[in-house]
Amino acid sequence: MASKIKKGDTVIVLTGRDRGKTGEVLKVLPDANRVLVDGVNLVKKHKKPSPASAGGIETMAAPLHISNVAHKDPKSGKATRIGFKFLEDGRKVRFAKASGEVIDR
């Protein structure tokens, strides 16, 4: 099955402490059904010093479950579901079900 959320998409967080925040998908982890979203679900990680970097407390984004995010509609800016359709030239593209706007570039 083709994934409905891909790297580079703008998504809205639906649940959790970051509910309502938007961000760009940095990475999709299909085996774990998770996505890494820029600036969302930030956690602090204690890093041990190494020759390459100094140690300390680092803030980084943790993965979210894919069901907790939804695409941001290009027209309205609200959360929307995604569908697939074929264009006249035969390409299969994703579109926002709320507005009908094509999402794929």
C-alpha atoms as a PDB file:
ATOM      1  CA  MET A   1       0.000   0.000   0.000  1.00  0.00           C
ATOM      2  CA  ALA A   2       1.272   3.455  -0.850  1.00  0.00           C
ATOM      3  CA  SER A   3       1.925   5.704   2.142  1.00  0.00           C
ATOM      4  CA  LYS A   4      -0.300   8.738   2.430  1.00  0.00           C
ATOM      5  CA  ILE A   5       2.265  10.744   4.418  1.00  0.00           C
ATOM      6  CA  LYS A   6       5.661  11.354   2.848  1.00  0.00           C
ATOM      7  CA  LYS A   7       8.845  13.244   3.670  1.00  0.00           C
ATOM      8  CA  GLY A   8       8.406  16.970   3.076  1.00  0.00           C
ATOM      9  CA  ASP A   9       4.632  17.033   3.706  1.00  0.00           C
ATOM     10  CA  THR A  10       3.152  19.620   6.080  1.00  0.00           C
ATOM     11  CA  VAL A  11       1.127  17.949   8.812  1.00  0.00           C
ATOM     12  CA  ILE A  12      -0.974  18.937  11.845  1.00  0.00           C
ATOM     13  CA  VAL A  13      -0.704  17.062  15.154  1.00  0.00           C
ATOM     14  CA  LEU A  14      -4.149  15.779  16.215  1.00  0.00           C
ATOM     15  CA  THR A  15      -3.479  14.474  19.746  1.00  0.00           C
ATOM     16  CA  GLY A  16      -1.014  14.697  22.598  1.00  0.00           C
ATOM     17  CA  ARG A  17       0.778  17.573  24.251  1.00  0.00           C
ATOM     18  CA  ASP A  18       1.648  19.145  20.878  1.00  0.00           C
ATOM     19  CA  ARG A  19      -1.947  19.082  19.604  1.00  0.00           C
ATOM     20  CA  GLY A  20      -2.597  21.766  16.985  1.00  0.00           C
ATOM     21  CA  LYS A  21       1.058  22.303  16.068  1.00  0.00           C
ATOM     22  CA  THR A  22       2.131  22.043  12.448  1.00  0.00           C
ATOM     23  CA  GLY A  23       5.437  20.989  11.001  1.00  0.00           C
ATOM     24  CA  GLU A  24       7.217  19.401   8.091  1.00  0.00           C
ATOM     25  CA  VAL A  25       7.783  15.641   8.019  1.00  0.00           C
ATOM     26  CA  LEU A  26      11.528  15.027   8.279  1.00  0.00           C
ATOM     27  CA  LYS A  27      11.446  11.235   8.137  1.00  0.00           C
ATOM     28  CA  VAL A  28       8.887   8.445   7.743  1.00  0.00           C
ATOM     29  CA  LEU A  29       9.459   5.155   9.593  1.00  0.00           C
ATOM     30  CA  PRO A  30       7.059   2.791   7.770  1.00  0.00           C
ATOM     31  CA  ASP A  31       8.013  -0.362   9.718  1.00  0.00           C
ATOM     32  CA  ALA A  32       7.068   1.302  13.030  1.00  0.00           C
ATOM     33  CA  ASN A  33       4.173   3.384  11.572  1.00  0.00           C
ATOM     34  CA  ARG A  34       5.820   6.552  12.866  1.00  0.00           C
ATOM     35  CA  VAL A  35       6.850   9.954  11.508  1.00  0.00           C
ATOM     36  CA  LEU A  36       9.438  12.483  12.639  1.00  0.00           C
ATOM     37  CA  VAL A  37       8.017  16.023  12.485  1.00  0.00           C
ATOM     38  CA  ASP A  38      10.172  19.162  12.711  1.00  0.00           C
ATOM     39  CA  GLY A  39       9.651  21.080  15.968  1.00  0.00           C
ATOM     40  CA  VAL A  40       7.039  18.670  17.371  1.00  0.00           C
ATOM     41  CA  ASN A  41       7.319  16.138  20.227  1.00  0.00           C
ATOM     42  CA  LEU A  42      10.620  17.567  21.434  1.00  0.00           C
ATOM     43  CA  VAL A  43      12.443  15.527  24.076  1.00  0.00           C
ATOM     44  CA  LYS A  44      15.687  16.083  25.954  1.00  0.00           C
ATOM     45  CA  LYS A  45      18.404  13.471  25.520  1.00  0.00           C
ATOM     46  CA  HIS A  46      21.492  13.222  27.713  1.00  0.00           C
ATOM     47  CA  LYS A  47      24.562  12.758  25.526  1.00  0.00           C
ATOM     48  CA  LYS A  48      27.882  11.410  26.754  1.00  0.00           C
ATOM     49  CA  PRO A  49      30.966  13.390  25.669  1.00  0.00           C
ATOM     50  CA  SER A  50      32.836  11.909  22.719  1.00  0.00           C
ATOM     51  CA  PRO A  51      35.883  12.986  20.726  1.00  0.00           C
ATOM     52  CA  ALA A  52      33.543  14.337  18.024  1.00  0.00           C
ATOM     53  CA  SER A  53      31.267  16.395  20.283  1.00  0.00           C
ATOM     54  CA  ALA A  54      30.954  17.765  23.771  1.00  0.00           C
ATOM     55  CA  GLY A  55      28.408  16.076  26.007  1.00  0.00           C
ATOM     56  CA  GLY A  56      25.336  17.688  27.503  1.00  0.00           C
ATOM     57  CA  ILE A  57      21.575  17.756  27.245  1.00  0.00           C
ATOM     58  CA  GLU A  58      20.358  17.858  23.648  1.00  0.00           C
ATOM     59  CA  THR A  59      16.812  18.695  22.524  1.00  0.00           C
ATOM     60  CA  MET A  60      15.627  16.575  19.628  1.00  0.00           C
ATOM     61  CA  ALA A  61      12.371  15.553  17.932  1.00  0.00           C
ATOM     62  CA  ALA A  62      10.996  12.109  18.792  1.00  0.00           C
ATOM     63  CA  PRO A  63       8.815  10.075  16.394  1.00  0.00           C
ATOM     64  CA  LEU A  64       5.009  10.340  16.552  1.00  0.00           C
ATOM     65  CA  HIS A  65       2.583   7.591  15.576  1.00  0.00           C
ATOM     66  CA  ILE A  66       1.312   8.173  12.054  1.00  0.00           C
ATOM     67  CA  SER A  67      -2.328   8.078  13.242  1.00  0.00           C
ATOM     68  CA  ASN A  68      -1.736  11.163  15.408  1.00  0.00           C
ATOM     69  CA  VAL A  69      -0.970  13.447  12.457  1.00  0.00           C
ATOM     70  CA  ALA A  70      -3.035  14.600   9.481  1.00  0.00           C
ATOM     71  CA  HIS A  71      -2.194  16.471   6.299  1.00  0.00           C
ATOM     72  CA  LYS A  72      -2.664  20.237   6.286  1.00  0.00           C
ATOM     73  CA  ASP A  73      -5.118  21.263   3.572  1.00  0.00           C
ATOM     74  CA  PRO A  74      -3.388  23.537   1.011  1.00  0.00           C
ATOM     75  CA  LYS A  75      -6.492  25.759   0.694  1.00  0.00           C
ATOM     76  CA  SER A  76      -8.010  26.037   4.181  1.00  0.00           C
ATOM     77  CA  GLY A  77      -5.012  25.152   6.364  1.00  0.00           C
ATOM     78  CA  LYS A  78      -7.083  22.668   8.385  1.00  0.00           C
ATOM     79  CA  ALA A  79      -6.541  18.922   8.810  1.00  0.00           C
ATOM     80  CA  THR A  80      -7.742  16.791   5.923  1.00  0.00           C
ATOM     81  CA  ARG A  81      -7.833  13.193   4.806  1.00  0.00           C
ATOM     82  CA  ILE A  82      -5.958  12.070   1.708  1.00  0.00           C
ATOM     83  CA  GLY A  83      -7.177  10.177  -1.335  1.00  0.00           C
ATOM     84  CA  PHE A  84      -5.569   8.927  -4.536  1.00  0.00           C
ATOM     85  CA  LYS A  85      -6.661   9.630  -8.085  1.00  0.00           C
ATOM     86  CA  PHE A  86      -5.282   9.348 -11.600  1.00  0.00           C
ATOM     87  CA  LEU A  87      -4.746  12.450 -13.733  1.00  0.00           C
ATOM     88  CA  GLU A  88      -5.412  12.633 -17.485  1.00  0.00           C
ATOM     89  CA  ASP A  89      -1.731  11.961 -18.216  1.00  0.00           C
ATOM     90  CA  GLY A  90      -1.925   8.710 -16.211  1.00  0.00           C
ATOM     91  CA  ARG A  91      -0.062   9.846 -13.091  1.00  0.00           C
ATOM     92  CA  LYS A  92      -1.338   8.658  -9.710  1.00  0.00           C
ATOM     93  CA  VAL A  93      -1.430  11.598  -7.290  1.00  0.00           C
ATOM     94  CA  ARG A  94      -2.587  12.319  -3.752  1.00  0.00           C
ATOM     95  CA  PHE A  95      -5.335  14.885  -3.193  1.00  0.00           C
ATOM     96  CA  ALA A  96      -6.946  16.550  -0.162  1.00  0.00           C
ATOM     97  CA  LYS A  97     -10.454  15.165   0.318  1.00  0.00           C
ATOM     98  CA  ALA A  98     -11.702  18.399   1.940  1.00  0.00           C
ATOM     99  CA  SER A  99     -10.801  20.744  -0.921  1.00  0.00           C
ATOM    100  CA  GLY A 100      -9.953  18.441  -3.829  1.00  0.00           C
ATOM    101  CA  GLU A 101      -6.552  20.129  -4.171  1.00  0.00           C
ATOM    102  CA  VAL A 102      -3.718  17.943  -5.541  1.00  0.00           C
ATOM    103  CA  ILE A 103      -0.917  17.528  -2.973  1.00  0.00           C
ATOM    104  CA  ASP A 104       1.810  15.851  -5.039  1.00  0.00           C
ATOM    105  CA  ARG A 105       4.161  18.163  -6.861  1.00  0.00           C
END
